[in-house]
Amino acid sequence: MRRRLDALSQDLSRREEPRSTPTSSETGPSGLGQAVGLGFRVTSEFVAAIVVGGLIGWQGDRWLHSSPLLLITFIALGTAAGFWNVYRLAMKTGGK
């Protein structure tokens, strides 16, 4: 019985050795998938910053009756914030 168990153990260890290379599902998303995901994230963060800045400026102009002054100011601030977010994201992913 002991010989049979040893033979089975050796057979199993020989069958497990070729699995040393990871499969594509174990390594995560492909390079193209990561790039597309990063592109969508950059675009959405940039557009969201501009839209939020525009909405704040538009609402502020409605409350204070200051026509386009706050709208232009907050769109400019939203654009700057969008660029800053993209820059921070680029520095974080570029450091890998």
Foldseek 3Di string as FASTA:
>chain_A
DVVVVVVVVVVVVVVCVVCPDDDPVVVDDDPVVVVVVLVVVLVVLLVVLLVVLQVVQVVVCVVVVPPCPSNVVSNVVSNVVSVVVNVVVCVVVVVD
